PDB file of N, CA and C in Angstrom:
ATOM      1  N   UNK A   1       4.939  36.551 -26.042  1.00  0.00           N
ATOM      2  CA  UNK A   1       5.370  36.250 -24.678  1.00  0.00           C
ATOM      3  C   UNK A   1       4.913  34.899 -24.309  1.00  0.00           C
ATOM      4  N   UNK A   2       5.682  34.051 -23.814  1.00  0.00           N
ATOM      5  CA  UNK A   2       5.382  32.574 -23.660  1.00  0.00           C
ATOM      6  C   UNK A   2       5.524  32.270 -22.219  1.00  0.00           C
ATOM      7  N   UNK A   3       4.678  32.797 -21.370  1.00  0.00           N
ATOM      8  CA  UNK A   3       4.813  32.606 -19.996  1.00  0.00           C
ATOM      9  C   UNK A   3       4.245  31.169 -19.692  1.00  0.00           C
ATOM     10  N   UNK A   4       3.186  30.842 -20.272  1.00  0.00           N
ATOM     11  CA  UNK A   4       2.602  29.504 -20.072  1.00  0.00           C
ATOM     12  C   UNK A   4       2.734  28.615 -21.201  1.00  0.00           C
ATOM     13  N   UNK A   5       4.074  28.518 -21.687  1.00  0.00           N
ATOM     14  CA  UNK A   5       4.320  27.899 -22.930  1.00  0.00           C
ATOM     15  C   UNK A   5       4.060  26.312 -22.802  1.00  0.00           C
ATOM     16  N   UNK A   6       3.437  25.872 -23.737  1.00  0.00           N
ATOM     17  CA  UNK A   6       3.186  24.449 -23.749  1.00  0.00           C
ATOM     18  C   UNK A   6       3.879  23.823 -24.852  1.00  0.00           C
ATOM     19  N   UNK A   7       4.486  22.737 -24.478  1.00  0.00           N
ATOM     20  CA  UNK A   7       5.329  21.902 -25.392  1.00  0.00           C
ATOM     21  C   UNK A   7       4.503  20.813 -26.086  1.00  0.00           C
ATOM     22  N   UNK A   8       4.565  20.759 -27.309  1.00  0.00           N
ATOM     23  CA  UNK A   8       3.933  19.554 -28.035  1.00  0.00           C
ATOM     24  C   UNK A   8       5.015  18.884 -28.855  1.00  0.00           C
ATOM     25  N   UNK A   9       4.880  17.565 -28.979  1.00  0.00           N
ATOM     26  CA  UNK A   9       5.674  16.766 -29.718  1.00  0.00           C
ATOM     27  C   UNK A   9       5.053  16.248 -30.928  1.00  0.00           C
ATOM     28  N   UNK A  10       5.537  16.386 -32.079  1.00  0.00           N
ATOM     29  CA  UNK A  10       4.955  15.747 -33.248  1.00  0.00           C
ATOM     30  C   UNK A  10       5.766  14.700 -33.840  1.00  0.00           C
ATOM     31  N   UNK A  11       5.109  13.715 -34.365  1.00  0.00           N
ATOM     32  CA  UNK A  11       5.886  12.624 -34.972  1.00  0.00           C
ATOM     33  C   UNK A  11       5.662  12.725 -36.458  1.00  0.00           C
ATOM     34  N   UNK A  12       6.756  12.718 -37.222  1.00  0.00           N
ATOM     35  CA  UNK A  12       6.735  12.834 -38.664  1.00  0.00           C
ATOM     36  C   UNK A  12       6.368  11.459 -39.176  1.00  0.00           C
ATOM     37  N   UNK A  13       6.050  11.423 -40.517  1.00  0.00           N
ATOM     38  CA  UNK A  13       5.771  10.161 -41.199  1.00  0.00           C
ATOM     39  C   UNK A  13       7.009   9.198 -41.210  1.00  0.00           C
ATOM     40  N   UNK A  14       8.217   9.768 -41.083  1.00  0.00           N
ATOM     41  CA  UNK A  14       9.292   8.963 -40.918  1.00  0.00           C
ATOM     42  C   UNK A  14       9.703   8.590 -39.639  1.00  0.00           C
ATOM     43  N   UNK A  15       8.773   8.905 -38.608  1.00  0.00           N
ATOM     44  CA  UNK A  15       8.943   8.402 -37.202  1.00  0.00           C
ATOM     45  C   UNK A  15       9.788   9.291 -36.331  1.00  0.00           C
ATOM     46  N   UNK A  16      10.239  10.450 -36.964  1.00  0.00           N
ATOM     47  CA  UNK A  16      11.088  11.257 -36.193  1.00  0.00           C
ATOM     48  C   UNK A  16      10.216  12.205 -35.154  1.00  0.00           C
ATOM     49  N   UNK A  17      10.576  12.476 -33.982  1.00  0.00           N
ATOM     50  CA  UNK A  17       9.924  13.263 -33.045  1.00  0.00           C
ATOM     51  C   UNK A  17      10.396  14.790 -33.073  1.00  0.00           C
ATOM     52  N   UNK A  18       9.467  15.755 -33.135  1.00  0.00           N
ATOM     53  CA  UNK A  18       9.921  17.126 -33.155  1.00  0.00           C
ATOM     54  C   UNK A  18       9.154  17.701 -32.065  1.00  0.00           C
ATOM     55  N   UNK A  19       9.910  18.734 -31.296  1.00  0.00           N
ATOM     56  CA  UNK A  19       9.331  19.442 -30.217  1.00  0.00           C
ATOM     57  C   UNK A  19       9.048  20.813 -30.676  1.00  0.00           C
ATOM     58  N   UNK A  20       7.910  21.334 -30.312  1.00  0.00           N
ATOM     59  CA  UNK A  20       7.514  22.723 -30.600  1.00  0.00           C
ATOM     60  C   UNK A  20       6.994  23.402 -29.323  1.00  0.00           C
ATOM     61  N   UNK A  21       7.038  24.559 -29.156  1.00  0.00           N
ATOM     62  CA  UNK A  21       6.476  25.358 -28.068  1.00  0.00           C
ATOM     63  C   UNK A  21       5.276  26.291 -28.600  1.00  0.00           C
ATOM     64  N   UNK A  22       4.142  26.276 -27.974  1.00  0.00           N
ATOM     65  CA  UNK A  22       3.037  26.937 -28.484  1.00  0.00           C
ATOM     66  C   UNK A  22       3.176  28.328 -28.050  1.00  0.00           C
ATOM     67  N   UNK A  23       3.007  29.229 -29.098  1.00  0.00           N
ATOM     68  CA  UNK A  23       3.080  30.648 -28.805  1.00  0.00           C
ATOM     69  C   UNK A  23       1.708  31.158 -28.701  1.00  0.00           C
ATOM     70  N   UNK A  24       0.739  30.803 -29.445  1.00  0.00           N
ATOM     71  CA  UNK A  24      -0.487  31.262 -29.556  1.00  0.00           C
ATOM     72  C   UNK A  24      -1.456  30.297 -30.382  1.00  0.00           C
ATOM     73  N   UNK A  25      -2.748  30.277 -30.005  1.00  0.00           N
ATOM     74  CA  UNK A  25      -3.660  29.426 -30.714  1.00  0.00           C
ATOM     75  C   UNK A  25      -4.890  30.213 -31.102  1.00  0.00           C
ATOM     76  N   UNK A  26      -5.533  29.757 -32.133  1.00  0.00           N
ATOM     77  CA  UNK A  26      -6.890  30.514 -32.607  1.00  0.00           C
ATOM     78  C   UNK A  26      -7.630  29.408 -33.363  1.00  0.00           C
ATOM     79  N   UNK A  27      -8.867  29.782 -33.536  1.00  0.00           N
ATOM     80  CA  UNK A  27      -9.882  28.992 -34.437  1.00  0.00           C
ATOM     81  C   UNK A  27     -10.115  29.817 -35.647  1.00  0.00           C
ATOM     82  N   UNK A  28     -10.412  29.155 -36.712  1.00  0.00           N
ATOM     83  CA  UNK A  28     -10.749  29.858 -37.906  1.00  0.00           C
ATOM     84  C   UNK A  28     -11.665  28.904 -38.678  1.00  0.00           C
ATOM     85  N   UNK A  29     -12.803  29.264 -39.033  1.00  0.00           N
ATOM     86  CA  UNK A  29     -13.759  28.341 -39.769  1.00  0.00           C
ATOM     87  C   UNK A  29     -13.971  27.001 -39.194  1.00  0.00           C
ATOM     88  N   UNK A  30     -14.081  27.065 -37.784  1.00  0.00           N
ATOM     89  CA  UNK A  30     -14.199  25.810 -36.971  1.00  0.00           C
ATOM     90  C   UNK A  30     -13.062  24.941 -36.825  1.00  0.00           C
ATOM     91  N   UNK A  31     -11.990  25.430 -37.263  1.00  0.00           N
ATOM     92  CA  UNK A  31     -10.622  24.603 -37.114  1.00  0.00           C
ATOM     93  C   UNK A  31      -9.644  25.298 -36.188  1.00  0.00           C
ATOM     94  N   UNK A  32      -8.995  24.471 -35.288  1.00  0.00           N
ATOM     95  CA  UNK A  32      -8.040  25.057 -34.524  1.00  0.00           C
ATOM     96  C   UNK A  32      -6.662  25.183 -35.182  1.00  0.00           C
ATOM     97  N   UNK A  33      -5.935  26.245 -34.936  1.00  0.00           N
ATOM     98  CA  UNK A  33      -4.648  26.529 -35.435  1.00  0.00           C
ATOM     99  C   UNK A  33      -3.674  26.843 -34.224  1.00  0.00           C
ATOM    100  N   UNK A  34      -2.321  26.400 -34.389  1.00  0.00           N
ATOM    101  CA  UNK A  34      -1.381  26.772 -33.373  1.00  0.00           C
ATOM    102  C   UNK A  34      -0.207  27.588 -34.065  1.00  0.00           C
ATOM    103  N   UNK A  35       0.145  28.617 -33.409  1.00  0.00           N
ATOM    104  CA  UNK A  35       1.474  29.201 -33.786  1.00  0.00           C
ATOM    105  C   UNK A  35       2.500  28.661 -32.886  1.00  0.00           C
ATOM    106  N   UNK A  36       3.514  28.009 -33.442  1.00  0.00           N
ATOM    107  CA  UNK A  36       4.442  27.309 -32.627  1.00  0.00           C
ATOM    108  C   UNK A  36       5.831  27.687 -33.089  1.00  0.00           C
ATOM    109  N   UNK A  37       6.901  27.566 -32.139  1.00  0.00           N
ATOM    110  CA  UNK A  37       8.185  27.834 -32.457  1.00  0.00           C
ATOM    111  C   UNK A  37       9.089  26.711 -32.109  1.00  0.00           C
ATOM    112  N   UNK A  38      10.208  26.687 -32.725  1.00  0.00           N
ATOM    113  CA  UNK A  38      11.258  25.548 -32.262  1.00  0.00           C
ATOM    114  C   UNK A  38      12.214  25.963 -31.195  1.00  0.00           C
ATOM    115  N   UNK A  39      12.060  27.241 -30.693  1.00  0.00           N
ATOM    116  CA  UNK A  39      12.952  27.776 -29.682  1.00  0.00           C
ATOM    117  C   UNK A  39      12.142  27.915 -28.384  1.00  0.00           C
ATOM    118  N   UNK A  40      12.676  27.262 -27.315  1.00  0.00           N
ATOM    119  CA  UNK A  40      12.118  27.369 -26.027  1.00  0.00           C
ATOM    120  C   UNK A  40      12.314  28.638 -25.390  1.00  0.00           C
ATOM    121  N   UNK A  41      13.490  29.288 -25.601  1.00  0.00           N
ATOM    122  CA  UNK A  41      13.758  30.536 -25.019  1.00  0.00           C
ATOM    123  C   UNK A  41      13.137  31.656 -25.670  1.00  0.00           C
ATOM    124  N   UNK A  42      12.191  32.363 -24.991  1.00  0.00           N
ATOM    125  CA  UNK A  42      11.382  33.477 -25.518  1.00  0.00           C
ATOM    126  C   UNK A  42      12.333  34.675 -26.081  1.00  0.00           C
ATOM    127  N   UNK A  43      13.394  34.731 -25.602  1.00  0.00           N
ATOM    128  CA  UNK A  43      14.281  35.921 -26.027  1.00  0.00           C
ATOM    129  C   UNK A  43      15.148  35.579 -27.239  1.00  0.00           C
ATOM    130  N   UNK A  44      15.071  34.265 -27.687  1.00  0.00           N
ATOM    131  CA  UNK A  44      16.010  33.942 -28.763  1.00  0.00           C
ATOM    132  C   UNK A  44      15.084  33.916 -30.019  1.00  0.00           C
ATOM    133  N   UNK A  45      15.791  34.026 -31.168  1.00  0.00           N
ATOM    134  CA  UNK A  45      15.164  33.981 -32.354  1.00  0.00           C
ATOM    135  C   UNK A  45      14.925  32.584 -32.782  1.00  0.00           C
ATOM    136  N   UNK A  46      13.646  32.241 -33.133  1.00  0.00           N
ATOM    137  CA  UNK A  46      13.413  30.806 -33.466  1.00  0.00           C
ATOM    138  C   UNK A  46      12.572  30.893 -34.769  1.00  0.00           C
ATOM    139  N   UNK A  47      12.432  29.877 -35.434  1.00  0.00           N
ATOM    140  CA  UNK A  47      11.414  29.650 -36.513  1.00  0.00           C
ATOM    141  C   UNK A  47      10.024  29.340 -36.049  1.00  0.00           C
ATOM    142  N   UNK A  48       9.208  30.007 -36.573  1.00  0.00           N
ATOM    143  CA  UNK A  48       7.716  29.978 -36.238  1.00  0.00           C
ATOM    144  C   UNK A  48       6.949  29.041 -37.378  1.00  0.00           C
ATOM    145  N   UNK A  49       5.960  28.296 -36.959  1.00  0.00           N
ATOM    146  CA  UNK A  49       5.387  27.535 -37.897  1.00  0.00           C
ATOM    147  C   UNK A  49       3.842  27.488 -37.543  1.00  0.00           C
ATOM    148  N   UNK A  50       2.958  27.333 -38.550  1.00  0.00           N
ATOM    149  CA  UNK A  50       1.513  27.436 -38.178  1.00  0.00           C
ATOM    150  C   UNK A  50       1.011  25.965 -38.475  1.00  0.00           C
ATOM    151  N   UNK A  51       0.454  25.428 -37.380  1.00  0.00           N
ATOM    152  CA  UNK A  51      -0.175  24.089 -37.451  1.00  0.00           C
ATOM    153  C   UNK A  51      -1.627  23.957 -37.510  1.00  0.00           C
ATOM    154  N   UNK A  52      -2.267  23.056 -38.231  1.00  0.00           N
ATOM    155  CA  UNK A  52      -3.652  23.057 -38.354  1.00  0.00           C
ATOM    156  C   UNK A  52      -4.015  21.746 -37.737  1.00  0.00           C
ATOM    157  N   UNK A  53      -4.996  21.742 -36.838  1.00  0.00           N
ATOM    158  CA  UNK A  53      -5.591  20.504 -36.247  1.00  0.00           C
ATOM    159  C   UNK A  53      -6.469  19.717 -37.213  1.00  0.00           C
ATOM    160  N   UNK A  54      -5.989  18.652 -37.624  1.00  0.00           N
ATOM    161  CA  UNK A  54      -6.729  17.842 -38.684  1.00  0.00           C
ATOM    162  C   UNK A  54      -7.533  16.614 -38.128  1.00  0.00           C
ATOM    163  N   UNK A  55      -7.618  16.562 -36.804  1.00  0.00           N
ATOM    164  CA  UNK A  55      -8.192  15.470 -36.094  1.00  0.00           C
ATOM    165  C   UNK A  55      -9.725  15.604 -35.908  1.00  0.00           C
ATOM    166  N   UNK A  56     -10.449  14.529 -35.953  1.00  0.00           N
ATOM    167  CA  UNK A  56     -11.847  14.599 -35.817  1.00  0.00           C
ATOM    168  C   UNK A  56     -12.184  14.917 -34.365  1.00  0.00           C
ATOM    169  N   UNK A  57     -13.399  15.454 -34.139  1.00  0.00           N
ATOM    170  CA  UNK A  57     -13.841  15.722 -32.642  1.00  0.00           C
ATOM    171  C   UNK A  57     -13.741  14.483 -31.861  1.00  0.00           C
ATOM    172  N   UNK A  58     -14.003  13.256 -32.313  1.00  0.00           N
ATOM    173  CA  UNK A  58     -14.079  12.160 -31.439  1.00  0.00           C
ATOM    174  C   UNK A  58     -12.701  11.500 -31.283  1.00  0.00           C
ATOM    175  N   UNK A  59     -11.636  12.004 -32.038  1.00  0.00           N
ATOM    176  CA  UNK A  59     -10.282  11.433 -31.883  1.00  0.00           C
ATOM    177  C   UNK A  59      -9.715  11.714 -30.548  1.00  0.00           C
ATOM    178  N   UNK A  60      -9.083  10.750 -29.866  1.00  0.00           N
ATOM    179  CA  UNK A  60      -8.650  10.959 -28.415  1.00  0.00           C
ATOM    180  C   UNK A  60      -7.337  11.888 -28.427  1.00  0.00           C
ATOM    181  N   UNK A  61      -6.653  11.918 -29.588  1.00  0.00           N
ATOM    182  CA  UNK A  61      -5.381  12.730 -29.659  1.00  0.00           C
ATOM    183  C   UNK A  61      -5.519  13.716 -30.703  1.00  0.00           C
ATOM    184  N   UNK A  62      -5.022  14.917 -30.616  1.00  0.00           N
ATOM    185  CA  UNK A  62      -4.967  15.832 -31.838  1.00  0.00           C
ATOM    186  C   UNK A  62      -3.937  15.403 -32.879  1.00  0.00           C
ATOM    187  N   UNK A  63      -4.265  15.759 -34.036  1.00  0.00           N
ATOM    188  CA  UNK A  63      -3.393  15.489 -35.133  1.00  0.00           C
ATOM    189  C   UNK A  63      -3.241  16.754 -35.843  1.00  0.00           C
ATOM    190  N   UNK A  64      -1.840  17.075 -35.962  1.00  0.00           N
ATOM    191  CA  UNK A  64      -1.554  18.417 -36.610  1.00  0.00           C
ATOM    192  C   UNK A  64      -0.797  18.279 -37.916  1.00  0.00           C
ATOM    193  N   UNK A  65      -0.894  19.187 -38.754  1.00  0.00           N
ATOM    194  CA  UNK A  65      -0.115  19.208 -40.077  1.00  0.00           C
ATOM    195  C   UNK A  65       0.323  20.656 -40.227  1.00  0.00           C
ATOM    196  N   UNK A  66       1.460  20.887 -40.928  1.00  0.00           N
ATOM    197  CA  UNK A  66       1.976  22.214 -41.208  1.00  0.00           C
ATOM    198  C   UNK A  66       0.955  22.820 -42.287  1.00  0.00           C
ATOM    199  N   UNK A  67       0.626  24.061 -42.110  1.00  0.00           N
ATOM    200  CA  UNK A  67      -0.145  24.860 -43.084  1.00  0.00           C
ATOM    201  C   UNK A  67       0.785  25.175 -44.180  1.00  0.00           C
ATOM    202  N   UNK A  68       0.454  24.742 -45.423  1.00  0.00           N
ATOM    203  CA  UNK A  68       1.273  25.040 -46.642  1.00  0.00           C
ATOM    204  C   UNK A  68       0.607  25.986 -47.658  1.00  0.00           C
ATOM    205  N   UNK A  69      -0.660  26.017 -47.459  1.00  0.00           N
ATOM    206  CA  UNK A  69      -1.466  26.855 -48.519  1.00  0.00           C
ATOM    207  C   UNK A  69      -1.059  28.305 -48.276  1.00  0.00           C
ATOM    208  N   UNK A  70      -0.628  29.005 -49.392  1.00  0.00           N
ATOM    209  CA  UNK A  70      -0.189  30.378 -49.213  1.00  0.00           C
ATOM    210  C   UNK A  70      -1.255  31.418 -48.745  1.00  0.00           C
ATOM    211  N   UNK A  71      -2.392  31.185 -49.175  1.00  0.00           N
ATOM    212  CA  UNK A  71      -3.451  32.066 -48.921  1.00  0.00           C
ATOM    213  C   UNK A  71      -3.930  31.903 -47.344  1.00  0.00           C
ATOM    214  N   UNK A  72      -3.943  30.622 -46.956  1.00  0.00           N
ATOM    215  CA  UNK A  72      -4.325  30.271 -45.605  1.00  0.00           C
ATOM    216  C   UNK A  72      -3.247  30.737 -44.644  1.00  0.00           C
ATOM    217  N   UNK A  73      -1.991  30.614 -45.058  1.00  0.00           N
ATOM    218  CA  UNK A  73      -0.883  31.097 -44.315  1.00  0.00           C
ATOM    219  C   UNK A  73      -0.961  32.634 -44.063  1.00  0.00           C
ATOM    220  N   UNK A  74      -1.168  33.263 -45.133  1.00  0.00           N
ATOM    221  CA  UNK A  74      -1.316  34.810 -45.009  1.00  0.00           C
ATOM    222  C   UNK A  74      -2.390  35.202 -44.195  1.00  0.00           C
ATOM    223  N   UNK A  75      -3.617  34.478 -44.308  1.00  0.00           N
ATOM    224  CA  UNK A  75      -4.752  34.934 -43.422  1.00  0.00           C
ATOM    225  C   UNK A  75      -4.337  34.620 -41.947  1.00  0.00           C
ATOM    226  N   UNK A  76      -3.782  33.492 -41.681  1.00  0.00           N
ATOM    227  CA  UNK A  76      -3.449  33.190 -40.284  1.00  0.00           C
ATOM    228  C   UNK A  76      -2.300  34.097 -39.739  1.00  0.00           C
ATOM    229  N   UNK A  77      -1.427  34.361 -40.655  1.00  0.00           N
ATOM    230  CA  UNK A  77      -0.330  35.233 -40.178  1.00  0.00           C
ATOM    231  C   UNK A  77      -0.886  36.511 -39.625  1.00  0.00           C
ATOM    232  N   UNK A  78      -1.891  37.137 -40.398  1.00  0.00           N
ATOM    233  CA  UNK A  78      -2.405  38.376 -40.012  1.00  0.00           C
ATOM    234  C   UNK A  78      -3.153  38.256 -38.753  1.00  0.00           C
ATOM    235  N   UNK A  79      -3.848  37.174 -38.433  1.00  0.00           N
ATOM    236  CA  UNK A  79      -4.568  36.939 -37.208  1.00  0.00           C
ATOM    237  C   UNK A  79      -3.609  36.890 -36.098  1.00  0.00           C
ATOM    238  N   UNK A  80      -2.544  35.936 -36.245  1.00  0.00           N
ATOM    239  CA  UNK A  80      -1.622  35.780 -35.141  1.00  0.00           C
ATOM    240  C   UNK A  80      -0.836  37.057 -34.794  1.00  0.00           C
ATOM    241  N   UNK A  81      -0.490  37.843 -35.883  1.00  0.00           N
ATOM    242  CA  UNK A  81       0.076  39.200 -35.675  1.00  0.00           C
ATOM    243  C   UNK A  81      -0.835  40.056 -34.753  1.00  0.00           C
ATOM    244  N   UNK A  82      -2.067  40.120 -35.015  1.00  0.00           N
ATOM    245  CA  UNK A  82      -2.969  40.903 -34.186  1.00  0.00           C
ATOM    246  C   UNK A  82      -3.173  40.312 -32.820  1.00  0.00           C
ATOM    247  N   UNK A  83      -3.230  39.142 -32.685  1.00  0.00           N
ATOM    248  CA  UNK A  83      -3.338  38.420 -31.384  1.00  0.00           C
ATOM    249  C   UNK A  83      -2.013  38.687 -30.532  1.00  0.00           C
ATOM    250  N   UNK A  84      -0.932  38.888 -31.143  1.00  0.00           N
ATOM    251  CA  UNK A  84       0.327  39.115 -30.484  1.00  0.00           C
ATOM    252  C   UNK A  84       0.755  40.520 -30.348  1.00  0.00           C
ATOM    253  N   UNK A  85      -0.164  41.415 -30.874  1.00  0.00           N
ATOM    254  CA  UNK A  85       0.267  42.771 -30.920  1.00  0.00           C
ATOM    255  C   UNK A  85       0.715  43.375 -29.577  1.00  0.00           C
ATOM    256  N   UNK A  86       0.040  43.007 -28.463  1.00  0.00           N
ATOM    257  CA  UNK A  86       0.357  43.538 -27.089  1.00  0.00           C
ATOM    258  C   UNK A  86       1.616  42.752 -26.480  1.00  0.00           C
ATOM    259  N   UNK A  87       1.779  41.607 -27.060  1.00  0.00           N
ATOM    260  CA  UNK A  87       2.971  40.704 -26.449  1.00  0.00           C
ATOM    261  C   UNK A  87       4.286  41.216 -27.012  1.00  0.00           C
ATOM    262  N   UNK A  88       5.361  40.886 -26.356  1.00  0.00           N
ATOM    263  CA  UNK A  88       6.660  41.163 -26.706  1.00  0.00           C
ATOM    264  C   UNK A  88       7.281  40.105 -27.653  1.00  0.00           C
ATOM    265  N   UNK A  89       6.480  39.925 -28.846  1.00  0.00           N
ATOM    266  CA  UNK A  89       6.807  39.046 -29.862  1.00  0.00           C
ATOM    267  C   UNK A  89       6.785  39.679 -31.167  1.00  0.00           C
ATOM    268  N   UNK A  90       7.765  39.532 -32.055  1.00  0.00           N
ATOM    269  CA  UNK A  90       7.772  40.107 -33.356  1.00  0.00           C
ATOM    270  C   UNK A  90       7.863  38.965 -34.334  1.00  0.00           C
ATOM    271  N   UNK A  91       6.824  39.054 -35.181  1.00  0.00           N
ATOM    272  CA  UNK A  91       6.660  38.069 -36.370  1.00  0.00           C
ATOM    273  C   UNK A  91       7.116  38.556 -37.586  1.00  0.00           C
ATOM    274  N   UNK A  92       7.899  37.857 -38.369  1.00  0.00           N
ATOM    275  CA  UNK A  92       8.410  38.236 -39.655  1.00  0.00           C
ATOM    276  C   UNK A  92       8.179  37.126 -40.569  1.00  0.00           C
ATOM    277  N   UNK A  93       7.701  37.391 -41.930  1.00  0.00           N
ATOM    278  CA  UNK A  93       7.524  36.424 -42.835  1.00  0.00           C
ATOM    279  C   UNK A  93       8.808  36.052 -43.504  1.00  0.00           C
TER     280      UNK A  93
END
């Protein structure tokens, strides 16, 4: 459920801007992670992605990258599934 959805914009290495909507966030091993979707409408089916904050604490802006490690993705998928258990959101791999 994305009542307080936050929109973030990422810039790719090619300079393209991509908008995502934050569904949930968590911390694991001292690092922040975001579960984001490319779909603003909470009733629509959108693609979800997990982003990892790779910025240093002193950086003025957050820097995110897509999580690509399979084990890390599986661990985070389980965490986000539990966090969203009471929400009207269905996650599928």
